[in-house]
Protein backbone atom coordinates (compact mmCIF):
# COMPACT_ATOMS: atom_id res chain seq x y z
CA UNK A 1 -105.29 81.35 -7.65
CA UNK A 2 -104.05 78.06 -6.16
CA UNK A 3 -100.48 77.03 -6.81
CA UNK A 4 -101.68 74.15 -8.95
CA UNK A 5 -103.57 76.52 -11.20
CA UNK A 6 -100.62 78.82 -11.73
CA UNK A 7 -99.30 78.98 -15.31
CA UNK A 8 -96.14 77.00 -15.99
CA UNK A 9 -92.94 78.88 -15.12
CA UNK A 10 -90.96 77.44 -18.03
CA UNK A 11 -91.69 76.94 -21.70
CA UNK A 12 -91.41 73.38 -23.08
CA UNK A 13 -88.09 72.46 -24.57
CA UNK A 14 -89.98 70.90 -27.46
CA UNK A 15 -91.40 74.29 -28.47
CA UNK A 16 -88.00 76.01 -28.03
CA UNK A 17 -86.43 73.52 -30.40
CA UNK A 18 -89.24 73.91 -32.98
CA UNK A 19 -88.97 77.67 -32.63
CA UNK A 20 -85.17 77.64 -33.10
CA UNK A 21 -85.62 75.57 -36.24
CA UNK A 22 -88.21 78.02 -37.58
CA UNK A 23 -85.84 80.96 -36.88
CA UNK A 24 -83.14 79.08 -38.71
CA UNK A 25 -85.56 78.83 -41.65
CA UNK A 26 -85.19 82.56 -42.10
CA UNK A 27 -81.41 82.24 -42.42
CA UNK A 28 -81.84 79.28 -44.79
CA UNK A 29 -84.03 81.53 -46.92
CA UNK A 30 -81.65 84.49 -47.25
CA UNK A 31 -78.07 83.31 -46.80
CA UNK A 32 -77.79 81.10 -49.95
CA UNK A 33 -80.12 83.31 -51.91
CA UNK A 34 -78.39 86.60 -51.23
CA UNK A 35 -74.87 85.32 -51.25
CA UNK A 36 -74.95 82.75 -54.06
CA UNK A 37 -78.04 82.62 -56.25
CA UNK A 38 -79.03 86.25 -56.56
CA UNK A 39 -75.48 87.40 -57.51
CA UNK A 40 -75.30 84.56 -60.07
CA UNK A 41 -78.61 85.52 -61.66
CA UNK A 42 -77.60 89.20 -61.63
CA UNK A 43 -74.35 88.44 -63.41
CA UNK A 44 -76.30 86.64 -66.13
CA UNK A 45 -78.69 89.57 -66.67
CA UNK A 46 -76.59 92.66 -66.00
CA UNK A 47 -73.40 91.82 -67.86
CA UNK A 48 -70.88 94.61 -67.76
CA UNK A 49 -73.27 96.74 -65.75
CA UNK A 50 -73.23 94.35 -62.78
CA UNK A 51 -71.52 96.69 -60.28
CA UNK A 52 -74.11 99.42 -60.64
CA UNK A 53 -76.98 96.97 -60.34
CA UNK A 54 -75.37 95.31 -57.29
CA UNK A 55 -75.44 98.74 -55.64
CA UNK A 56 -79.14 99.12 -56.43
CA UNK A 57 -79.95 95.63 -55.16
CA UNK A 58 -78.00 96.13 -51.91
CA UNK A 59 -79.34 99.58 -51.12
CA UNK A 60 -82.99 99.14 -51.95
CA UNK A 61 -83.01 95.62 -50.56
CA UNK A 62 -81.83 96.98 -47.22
CA UNK A 63 -84.58 99.59 -47.24
CA UNK A 64 -87.24 97.02 -48.03
CA UNK A 65 -85.99 94.73 -45.22
CA UNK A 66 -86.06 97.60 -42.77
CA UNK A 67 -89.55 98.67 -43.80
CA UNK A 68 -90.85 95.08 -43.76
CA UNK A 69 -89.59 94.41 -40.24
CA UNK A 70 -91.29 97.49 -38.90
CA UNK A 71 -94.52 97.08 -40.85
CA UNK A 72 -95.23 93.43 -40.16
CA UNK A 73 -94.03 93.59 -36.56
CA UNK A 74 -96.51 96.43 -35.98
CA UNK A 75 -99.33 94.66 -37.87
CA UNK A 76 -98.81 91.53 -35.76
CA UNK A 77 -99.11 93.71 -32.66
CA UNK A 78 -102.33 95.22 -33.94
CA UNK A 79 -103.90 91.85 -34.79
CA UNK A 80 -102.52 90.27 -31.62
CA UNK A 81 -101.50 87.18 -33.63
CA UNK A 82 -98.15 86.07 -35.02
CA UNK A 83 -98.58 82.70 -36.73
CA UNK A 84 -100.97 83.82 -39.56
CA UNK A 85 -98.42 86.48 -40.59
CA UNK A 86 -95.56 83.96 -40.51
CA UNK A 87 -97.54 81.53 -42.63
CA UNK A 88 -98.54 84.18 -45.19
CA UNK A 89 -94.92 85.36 -45.37
CA UNK A 90 -93.74 81.82 -45.89
CA UNK A 91 -96.08 81.26 -48.82
CA UNK A 92 -95.08 84.57 -50.45
CA UNK A 93 -91.36 84.04 -49.82
CA UNK A 94 -91.37 80.66 -51.51
CA UNK A 95 -93.46 81.92 -54.45
CA UNK A 96 -91.11 84.81 -55.04
CA UNK A 97 -88.05 82.61 -54.74
CA UNK A 98 -89.45 80.29 -57.40
CA UNK A 99 -90.10 83.30 -59.64
CA UNK A 100 -86.45 84.44 -59.65
CA UNK A 101 -85.30 82.14 -62.47
CA UNK A 102 -88.06 83.60 -64.65
CA UNK A 103 -86.84 87.18 -64.33
CA UNK A 104 -85.32 88.07 -67.69
CA UNK A 105 -84.23 91.67 -67.00
CA UNK A 106 -82.67 93.54 -64.11
CA UNK A 107 -85.67 95.76 -63.43
CA UNK A 108 -87.86 92.63 -62.89
CA UNK A 109 -85.15 91.07 -60.71
CA UNK A 110 -84.96 94.20 -58.59
CA UNK A 111 -88.77 94.27 -58.18
CA UNK A 112 -88.76 90.59 -57.14
CA UNK A 113 -86.00 91.24 -54.63
CA UNK A 114 -87.91 94.08 -53.01
CA UNK A 115 -91.11 92.03 -52.81
CA UNK A 116 -89.08 89.04 -51.49
CA UNK A 117 -87.49 91.18 -48.74
CA UNK A 118 -90.94 92.34 -47.61
CA UNK A 119 -92.25 88.79 -47.62
CA UNK A 120 -89.26 87.45 -45.73
CA UNK A 121 -89.69 90.11 -43.06
CA UNK A 122 -93.38 89.13 -42.88
CA UNK A 123 -91.92 85.90 -41.46
CA UNK A 124 -89.03 87.26 -39.37
CA UNK A 125 -90.80 90.21 -37.63
CA UNK A 126 -93.78 88.33 -36.17
CA UNK A 127 -91.65 85.24 -35.57
CA UNK A 128 -89.27 87.22 -33.37
CA UNK A 129 -92.16 88.78 -31.42
CA UNK A 130 -93.74 85.34 -30.89
CA UNK A 131 -90.76 84.30 -28.79
CA UNK A 132 -91.30 87.37 -26.59
CA UNK A 133 -94.92 86.33 -26.09
CA UNK A 134 -94.21 82.82 -24.84
CA UNK A 135 -90.63 82.44 -23.55
CA UNK A 136 -90.15 83.58 -19.95
CA UNK A 137 -87.10 85.59 -18.83
CA UNK A 138 -85.66 82.52 -17.09
CA UNK A 139 -85.20 80.80 -20.48
CA UNK A 140 -84.13 83.71 -22.64
CA UNK A 141 -80.49 82.71 -22.37
CA UNK A 142 -81.31 79.23 -23.64
CA UNK A 143 -83.40 80.76 -26.40
CA UNK A 144 -80.47 82.94 -27.48
CA UNK A 145 -78.17 79.95 -27.47
CA UNK A 146 -80.53 78.01 -29.68
CA UNK A 147 -80.75 80.89 -32.09
CA UNK A 148 -77.05 80.43 -32.85
CA UNK A 149 -78.25 77.54 -35.05
CA UNK A 150 -79.57 80.09 -37.56
CA UNK A 151 -76.31 81.41 -39.08
CA UNK A 152 -74.80 77.89 -38.96
CA UNK A 153 -77.75 76.32 -40.78
CA UNK A 154 -77.80 79.20 -43.21
CA UNK A 155 -74.17 78.56 -44.12
CA UNK A 156 -74.69 74.79 -44.35
CA UNK A 157 -77.72 75.24 -46.59
CA UNK A 158 -75.55 77.29 -48.98
CA UNK A 159 -73.19 74.38 -49.30
CA UNK A 160 -76.12 71.99 -49.77
CA UNK A 161 -77.84 73.82 -52.63
CA UNK A 162 -74.55 74.14 -54.50
CA UNK A 163 -73.90 70.38 -54.58
CA UNK A 164 -72.96 69.15 -58.07
CA UNK A 165 -76.30 67.41 -58.51
CA UNK A 166 -78.12 70.72 -58.36
CA UNK A 167 -77.00 72.54 -61.51
CA UNK A 168 -79.75 74.81 -62.75
CA UNK A 169 -81.08 77.95 -61.03
CA UNK A 170 -84.56 76.36 -60.90
CA UNK A 171 -83.29 73.32 -59.03
CA UNK A 172 -81.41 75.40 -56.54
CA UNK A 173 -84.24 77.77 -55.68
CA UNK A 174 -86.58 74.79 -55.40
CA UNK A 175 -84.15 73.18 -52.94
CA UNK A 176 -84.04 76.41 -50.87
CA UNK A 177 -87.87 76.62 -50.88
CA UNK A 178 -88.18 73.06 -49.63
CA UNK A 179 -85.60 73.60 -46.89
CA UNK A 180 -87.33 76.79 -45.69
CA UNK A 181 -90.72 75.14 -45.59
CA UNK A 182 -89.36 72.09 -43.74
CA UNK A 183 -87.77 74.41 -41.14
CA UNK A 184 -90.67 76.77 -40.47
CA UNK A 185 -93.83 74.66 -40.88
CA UNK A 186 -93.28 72.33 -37.89
CA UNK A 187 -93.40 75.23 -35.41
CA UNK A 188 -96.54 76.61 -37.06
CA UNK A 189 -98.31 73.25 -37.29
CA UNK A 190 -97.13 71.46 -34.19
CA UNK A 191 -95.85 74.19 -31.85
CA UNK A 192 -98.08 74.35 -28.83
CA UNK A 193 -96.40 76.85 -26.54
CA UNK A 194 -97.57 77.22 -22.97
CA UNK A 195 -99.23 80.53 -22.23
CA UNK A 196 -97.51 83.11 -20.05
CA UNK A 197 -100.14 85.85 -19.45
CA UNK A 198 -97.68 88.01 -17.53
CA UNK A 199 -95.55 88.33 -20.72
CA UNK A 200 -98.50 89.88 -22.52
CA UNK A 201 -99.34 92.40 -19.77
CA UNK A 202 -99.29 95.99 -21.04
CA UNK A 203 -98.38 97.44 -17.67
CA UNK A 204 -94.86 96.78 -16.30
CA UNK A 205 -94.66 93.60 -14.25
CA UNK A 206 -93.84 93.78 -10.56
CA UNK A 207 -92.30 91.26 -8.28
CA UNK A 208 -90.56 89.40 -11.10
CA UNK A 209 -87.75 87.32 -9.57
CA UNK A 210 -85.06 88.28 -12.04
CA UNK A 211 -82.57 91.06 -12.55
CA UNK A 212 -84.26 92.57 -15.52
CA UNK A 213 -84.50 96.38 -15.76
CA UNK A 214 -87.81 98.04 -15.10
CA UNK A 215 -90.01 97.32 -18.17
CA UNK A 216 -91.41 100.85 -18.28
CA UNK A 217 -87.88 102.20 -18.78
CA UNK A 218 -86.78 102.36 -22.41
CA UNK A 219 -83.16 103.26 -21.63
CA UNK A 220 -81.92 99.64 -21.39
CA UNK A 221 -83.52 98.91 -24.75
CA UNK A 222 -81.75 101.91 -26.29
CA UNK A 223 -78.39 100.71 -24.89
CA UNK A 224 -79.02 97.20 -26.20
CA UNK A 225 -79.88 98.66 -29.60
CA UNK A 226 -76.70 100.70 -29.75
CA UNK A 227 -74.55 97.79 -28.54
CA UNK A 228 -75.91 95.51 -31.23
CA UNK A 229 -75.47 98.20 -33.91
CA UNK A 230 -71.78 98.62 -32.98
CA UNK A 231 -71.10 94.89 -33.12
CA UNK A 232 -73.13 94.48 -36.32
CA UNK A 233 -71.01 97.13 -38.04
CA UNK A 234 -67.91 95.06 -37.28
CA UNK A 235 -69.63 91.82 -38.37
CA UNK A 236 -70.89 93.38 -41.64
CA UNK A 237 -67.42 94.77 -42.47
CA UNK A 238 -65.79 91.39 -41.98
CA UNK A 239 -68.53 89.62 -43.90
CA UNK A 240 -67.98 91.86 -46.91
CA UNK A 241 -64.20 92.14 -46.82
CA UNK A 242 -62.98 88.89 -45.23
CA UNK A 243 -62.05 87.47 -48.62
CA UNK A 244 -59.85 90.45 -49.50
CA UNK A 245 -58.19 90.51 -46.04
CA UNK A 246 -57.30 86.84 -46.13
CA UNK A 247 -55.95 87.31 -49.65
CA UNK A 248 -53.70 90.19 -48.39
CA UNK A 249 -52.36 87.94 -45.63
CA UNK A 250 -51.96 84.82 -47.75
CA UNK A 251 -52.36 85.14 -51.51
CA UNK A 252 -52.22 81.33 -51.88
CA UNK A 253 -55.26 80.67 -49.62
CA UNK A 254 -58.01 79.10 -51.74
CA UNK A 255 -61.71 79.86 -51.62
CA UNK A 256 -62.45 76.45 -50.07
CA UNK A 257 -60.21 77.20 -47.10
CA UNK A 258 -61.76 80.62 -46.54
CA UNK A 259 -65.24 79.06 -46.60
CA UNK A 260 -64.09 76.33 -44.23
CA UNK A 261 -62.79 78.83 -41.65
CA UNK A 262 -66.00 80.85 -41.90
CA UNK A 263 -68.20 77.71 -41.42
CA UNK A 264 -66.02 76.49 -38.54
CA UNK A 265 -66.55 79.73 -36.61
CA UNK A 266 -70.31 79.50 -37.09
CA UNK A 267 -70.36 75.84 -36.03
CA UNK A 268 -68.25 76.27 -32.88
CA UNK A 269 -70.39 79.26 -31.89
CA UNK A 270 -73.48 77.01 -31.45
CA UNK A 271 -72.30 75.12 -28.33
CA UNK A 272 -70.53 78.23 -27.01
CA UNK A 273 -73.78 80.21 -27.20
CA UNK A 274 -75.80 77.39 -25.70
CA UNK A 275 -73.45 77.05 -22.73
CA UNK A 276 -73.30 80.79 -22.19
CA UNK A 277 -77.09 81.11 -22.42
CA UNK A 278 -77.66 78.33 -19.93
CA UNK A 279 -75.15 79.90 -17.57
CA UNK A 280 -76.95 83.21 -17.82
CA UNK A 281 -80.32 81.62 -17.02
CA UNK A 282 -78.99 79.66 -14.03
CA UNK A 283 -77.02 82.53 -12.55
CA UNK A 284 -79.69 85.13 -13.45
CA UNK A 285 -76.98 87.27 -15.07
CA UNK A 286 -78.44 87.92 -18.55
CA UNK A 287 -75.99 90.59 -19.70
CA UNK A 288 -72.69 89.12 -18.51
CA UNK A 289 -72.27 86.73 -21.46
CA UNK A 290 -73.08 89.55 -23.85
CA UNK A 291 -70.40 91.77 -22.36
CA UNK A 292 -67.89 88.85 -22.38
CA UNK A 293 -68.66 88.12 -26.05
CA UNK A 294 -68.17 91.79 -26.94
CA UNK A 295 -64.78 91.73 -25.11
CA UNK A 296 -63.76 88.69 -27.16
CA UNK A 297 -64.95 90.43 -30.35
CA UNK A 298 -62.69 93.33 -29.50
CA UNK A 299 -59.80 91.02 -28.76
CA UNK A 300 -60.29 89.14 -32.04
CA UNK A 301 -60.26 92.39 -34.00
CA UNK A 302 -57.06 93.57 -32.31
CA UNK A 303 -55.51 90.20 -33.04
CA UNK A 304 -56.49 90.52 -36.71
CA UNK A 305 -54.99 94.01 -36.85
CA UNK A 306 -51.67 92.69 -35.42
CA UNK A 307 -51.61 89.36 -37.35
CA UNK A 308 -48.41 88.94 -39.37
CA UNK A 309 -48.87 85.42 -40.69
CA UNK A 310 -51.72 83.19 -41.87
CA UNK A 311 -51.83 81.05 -38.73
CA UNK A 312 -52.31 84.02 -36.33
CA UNK A 313 -54.75 85.59 -38.77
CA UNK A 314 -56.96 82.50 -38.87
CA UNK A 315 -56.81 82.13 -35.08
CA UNK A 316 -57.80 85.77 -34.51
CA UNK A 317 -60.64 85.51 -37.00
CA UNK A 318 -61.95 82.36 -35.32
CA UNK A 319 -62.05 84.29 -32.01
CA UNK A 320 -63.90 87.15 -33.68
CA UNK A 321 -66.27 84.91 -35.65
CA UNK A 322 -67.27 82.74 -32.70
CA UNK A 323 -67.65 85.72 -30.39
CA UNK A 324 -69.78 87.82 -32.75
CA UNK A 325 -72.05 84.90 -33.70
CA UNK A 326 -72.60 84.05 -29.99
CA UNK A 327 -73.14 87.71 -29.17
CA UNK A 328 -75.78 88.32 -31.84
CA UNK A 329 -77.66 85.11 -30.95
CA UNK A 330 -77.66 85.77 -27.20
CA UNK A 331 -78.56 89.40 -27.80
CA UNK A 332 -81.65 88.38 -29.77
CA UNK A 333 -82.85 86.40 -26.76
CA UNK A 334 -82.05 88.96 -24.10
CA UNK A 335 -83.49 91.88 -26.13
CA UNK A 336 -86.91 90.44 -25.44
CA UNK A 337 -86.53 91.14 -21.66
CA UNK A 338 -85.75 94.89 -22.08
CA UNK A 339 -88.54 95.90 -24.46
CA UNK A 340 -90.69 98.32 -22.51
CA UNK A 341 -94.22 97.33 -23.75
CA UNK A 342 -95.70 93.95 -24.67
CA UNK A 343 -98.30 95.52 -26.93
CA UNK A 344 -95.57 97.12 -29.06
CA UNK A 345 -93.23 94.12 -29.05
CA UNK A 346 -93.36 93.44 -32.81
CA UNK A 347 -92.92 97.10 -33.70
CA UNK A 348 -89.99 97.49 -31.28
CA UNK A 349 -88.30 94.40 -32.68
CA UNK A 350 -88.71 95.98 -36.11
CA UNK A 351 -86.69 98.94 -34.79
CA UNK A 352 -84.05 96.49 -33.51
CA UNK A 353 -84.01 94.94 -36.98
CA UNK A 354 -82.58 98.24 -38.27
CA UNK A 355 -79.31 97.23 -36.59
CA UNK A 356 -79.09 94.51 -39.26
CA UNK A 357 -79.57 96.89 -42.20
CA UNK A 358 -77.99 100.18 -41.13
CA UNK A 359 -74.46 98.66 -41.08
CA UNK A 360 -74.79 97.92 -44.81
CA UNK A 361 -75.12 101.66 -45.33
CA UNK A 362 -72.31 102.63 -42.89
CA UNK A 363 -69.73 99.95 -43.59
CA UNK A 364 -68.79 100.92 -47.16
CA UNK A 365 -67.88 104.45 -46.07
CA UNK A 366 -65.65 103.14 -43.27
CA UNK A 367 -63.77 100.82 -45.59
CA UNK A 368 -63.43 103.38 -48.35
CA UNK A 369 -62.12 105.97 -45.89
CA UNK A 370 -59.62 103.72 -44.14
CA UNK A 371 -58.46 100.73 -46.14
CA UNK A 372 -56.96 102.40 -49.25
CA UNK A 373 -54.79 104.80 -47.23
CA UNK A 374 -54.18 102.95 -43.97
CA UNK A 375 -54.83 99.26 -44.66
CA UNK A 376 -56.99 96.73 -42.96
CA UNK A 377 -55.15 97.22 -39.67
CA UNK A 378 -56.64 100.68 -39.19
CA UNK A 379 -60.15 99.36 -40.05
CA UNK A 380 -59.88 96.52 -37.53
CA UNK A 381 -58.63 98.82 -34.77
CA UNK A 382 -61.58 101.21 -35.40
CA UNK A 383 -63.99 98.23 -35.29
CA UNK A 384 -62.31 97.09 -32.06
CA UNK A 385 -63.02 100.52 -30.54
CA UNK A 386 -66.71 100.15 -31.55
CA UNK A 387 -66.84 96.73 -29.88
CA UNK A 388 -65.26 98.23 -26.73
CA UNK A 389 -67.97 100.88 -26.71
CA UNK A 390 -70.57 98.07 -26.87
CA UNK A 391 -68.94 96.53 -23.76
CA UNK A 392 -69.40 99.78 -21.87
CA UNK A 393 -73.05 100.02 -22.88
CA UNK A 394 -73.73 96.44 -21.74
CA UNK A 395 -71.91 96.93 -18.44
CA UNK A 396 -74.13 99.90 -17.65
CA UNK A 397 -77.19 97.77 -18.25
CA UNK A 398 -75.94 95.03 -15.94
CA UNK A 399 -75.35 97.56 -13.18
CA UNK A 400 -78.95 98.81 -13.39
CA UNK A 401 -80.36 95.27 -13.42
């Protein structure tokens, strides 16, 4: 093949931006719904029994999300197509969102949640695999940086749908549905990614000019999975108990200030992740920013454990929040380079999706075991040890690259 006939070595920035917006559409779908609207509807229907039903919703919702990621990732592998699954999932997700205000008992609300989790992962599983199909290794750092937009846009959408003008549940779910469609449809309708046949090859590639591990070797993928799980446990614990920790440090801190600090961390993480991802691409050092972000995660947790006043507590949390958001975004991009087989990419990403749901099952036991007897300090030090273990896992991958 002549040089002029060779496939392009880089994906278009236009497609990467459309793809990042579509990925953010998933966060826009679940962040305001799961953190604001679903709990509000549950409180209306469950009454005094809300704690028990919250447990049911959390546990079975996590199981449905895990199953959906695996199922639809695998199905998109088998059909060798991603976009039809994403489109079908988008239609179902919006339809189920719009049905939530019409649920008049908790059993119906639980059934809707389970179906919605499956539909949402019909979007997320194939969408994640689509990036692996068309984004070359030389741009996976940039891809990861762009994916930092997802948590930020998810948080901003929560603020948007709770504006005073949107009062009823119907208005708020309609606003979410419109935002999700506006984020995802452009990539499906106008995304024209360049083809990279070598990314779809079943056999391991040879002569690839990067430092990626051998693609027939599953060990780097296992280490990446474990590293993400360890950091996700820390992130899930802080997400659930940040309110109570800040209250223990400063009882006068209002909800608005807590939300502002949380949003600030997510916002600052976007340029940080973009710069780190571009550095990784240019230097061909894909795992160095991940290890650095895990180190900063560990440092932030230690700072939180030692914080004795509100100022140091906020500063330590900002370090933690920025580092974990950048880590998880960059990790999503670099995971695509270590998956051992292109024909199982969607299924394997479904297995990686378990790192998002397993922490919800682990984290309550950690907090119940440590916080009542030893305080938040002990919890943060344990989470710092988990982050340090993630650093060691990532360093071993970099040495084999």
